[in-house]
Amino acid sequence: WTPGGEVKPGKPAGGHTDEVTALVAVPGGAVLASGSADGTVRTWEAGKLAPGRTLPPLGDVVYAVAASPDGGRLAAGGHAGEVRVWRAADGQELVRFVASPR
């Protein structure tokens, strides 16, 4: 997505293989994080939409992505209730848990 509308909502973004389902601007403004129906979370250089890091897949649709107020952590939640938190700088997984039993 860009302000000019070059990517339409719901269409795959480069790097994702299915619809983008969640998007967050990481505090500081230089990085975006997106979640997808393909189960992946990706980071992007906001100014150019250049691909950054691909985080380990959740295994199902990513419904939410969030960034900590200091931009140091990213979190994502999936359809089955799985939640993962990563260190934004290097993609290291910090915690994983299931928020709702299936």
Protein backbone atom coordinates (compact mmCIF):
# COMPACT_ATOMS: atom_id res chain seq x y z
CA TRP A 1 0.00 0.00 0.00
CA THR A 2 1.09 3.53 -0.77
CA PRO A 3 -0.81 6.82 -0.48
CA GLY A 4 -1.15 6.74 -4.26
CA GLY A 5 -3.08 3.45 -4.01
CA GLU A 6 -0.73 1.27 -6.07
CA VAL A 7 -1.69 -1.84 -4.05
CA LYS A 8 -5.36 -2.51 -3.47
CA PRO A 9 -6.48 -3.77 -0.04
CA GLY A 10 -6.75 -7.53 0.14
CA LYS A 11 -4.30 -8.18 -2.67
CA PRO A 12 -1.03 -10.01 -2.01
CA ALA A 13 1.89 -7.68 -1.34
CA GLY A 14 5.32 -8.64 -2.63
CA GLY A 15 6.67 -11.27 -0.28
CA HIS A 16 3.29 -12.50 0.93
CA THR A 17 1.60 -15.27 -1.05
CA ASP A 18 -1.95 -14.47 0.10
CA GLU A 19 -4.03 -11.51 1.28
CA VAL A 20 -2.59 -9.01 3.74
CA THR A 21 -4.85 -9.19 6.80
CA ALA A 22 -3.10 -6.87 9.27
CA LEU A 23 -0.74 -3.91 9.16
CA VAL A 24 1.00 -1.79 11.81
CA ALA A 25 3.40 1.14 11.67
CA VAL A 26 6.23 0.51 14.09
CA PRO A 27 6.88 3.55 16.32
CA GLY A 28 9.56 5.69 14.74
CA GLY A 29 7.89 5.50 11.33
CA ALA A 30 10.64 3.78 9.36
CA VAL A 31 9.20 0.24 9.49
CA LEU A 32 5.83 -1.36 8.80
CA ALA A 33 4.87 -4.90 9.79
CA SER A 34 2.23 -6.89 7.92
CA GLY A 35 0.43 -10.14 8.61
CA SER A 36 -1.11 -12.33 5.96
CA ALA A 37 -3.54 -15.14 5.31
CA ASP A 38 -0.44 -17.14 4.33
CA GLY A 39 0.51 -17.23 8.04
CA THR A 40 3.56 -14.99 7.75
CA VAL A 41 4.56 -11.69 9.32
CA ARG A 42 6.89 -9.45 7.31
CA THR A 43 8.62 -6.16 7.95
CA TRP A 44 8.97 -3.42 5.34
CA GLU A 45 11.02 -0.28 4.94
CA ALA A 46 8.15 2.22 5.08
CA GLY A 47 9.53 4.86 2.71
CA LYS A 48 10.04 2.46 -0.20
CA LEU A 49 7.96 -0.56 0.83
CA ALA A 50 11.17 -2.53 0.46
CA PRO A 51 10.91 -6.01 2.01
CA GLY A 52 12.72 -6.55 5.28
CA ARG A 53 12.54 -9.61 7.51
CA THR A 54 10.11 -12.53 7.27
CA LEU A 55 9.29 -13.89 10.73
CA PRO A 56 8.58 -17.60 11.31
CA PRO A 57 5.04 -18.49 10.17
CA LEU A 58 2.21 -18.90 12.65
CA GLY A 59 0.72 -21.81 10.71
CA ASP A 60 -2.63 -20.15 10.04
CA VAL A 61 -4.14 -16.78 9.11
CA VAL A 62 -2.54 -13.84 10.93
CA TYR A 63 -5.40 -11.68 12.24
CA ALA A 64 -3.46 -9.06 14.18
CA VAL A 65 -0.01 -7.50 14.34
CA ALA A 66 1.20 -5.01 16.94
CA ALA A 67 4.36 -3.18 17.91
CA SER A 68 5.53 -2.23 21.38
CA PRO A 69 5.57 1.53 22.14
CA ASP A 70 9.37 1.60 21.87
CA GLY A 71 9.33 -0.36 18.58
CA GLY A 72 11.53 -3.07 20.09
CA ARG A 73 9.02 -5.92 19.86
CA LEU A 74 6.49 -7.16 17.33
CA ALA A 75 3.56 -9.43 18.15
CA ALA A 76 1.13 -11.35 15.99
CA GLY A 77 -1.97 -13.42 16.64
CA GLY A 78 -3.45 -16.11 14.46
CA HIS A 79 -6.80 -17.76 13.84
CA ALA A 80 -6.17 -20.67 16.23
CA GLY A 81 -5.34 -18.30 19.09
CA GLU A 82 -1.57 -18.60 18.81
CA VAL A 83 0.29 -15.43 19.79
CA ARG A 84 4.00 -14.87 19.16
CA VAL A 85 6.26 -12.01 20.20
CA TRP A 86 9.58 -11.28 18.46
CA ARG A 87 12.45 -8.88 19.02
CA ALA A 88 12.09 -6.43 16.12
CA ALA A 89 15.82 -5.89 15.59
CA ASP A 90 16.68 -9.49 14.74
CA GLY A 91 13.45 -11.52 14.61
CA GLN A 92 14.35 -13.59 17.68
CA GLU A 93 11.19 -15.18 19.11
CA LEU A 94 10.72 -14.08 22.71
CA VAL A 95 7.49 -15.81 23.69
CA ARG A 96 4.75 -17.99 22.22
CA PHE A 97 1.40 -18.94 23.75
CA VAL A 98 -2.18 -19.86 22.90
CA ALA A 99 -4.63 -17.15 23.93
CA SER A 100 -7.79 -19.18 23.42
CA PRO A 101 -8.22 -22.96 23.40
CA ARG A 102 -9.58 -24.57 20.27
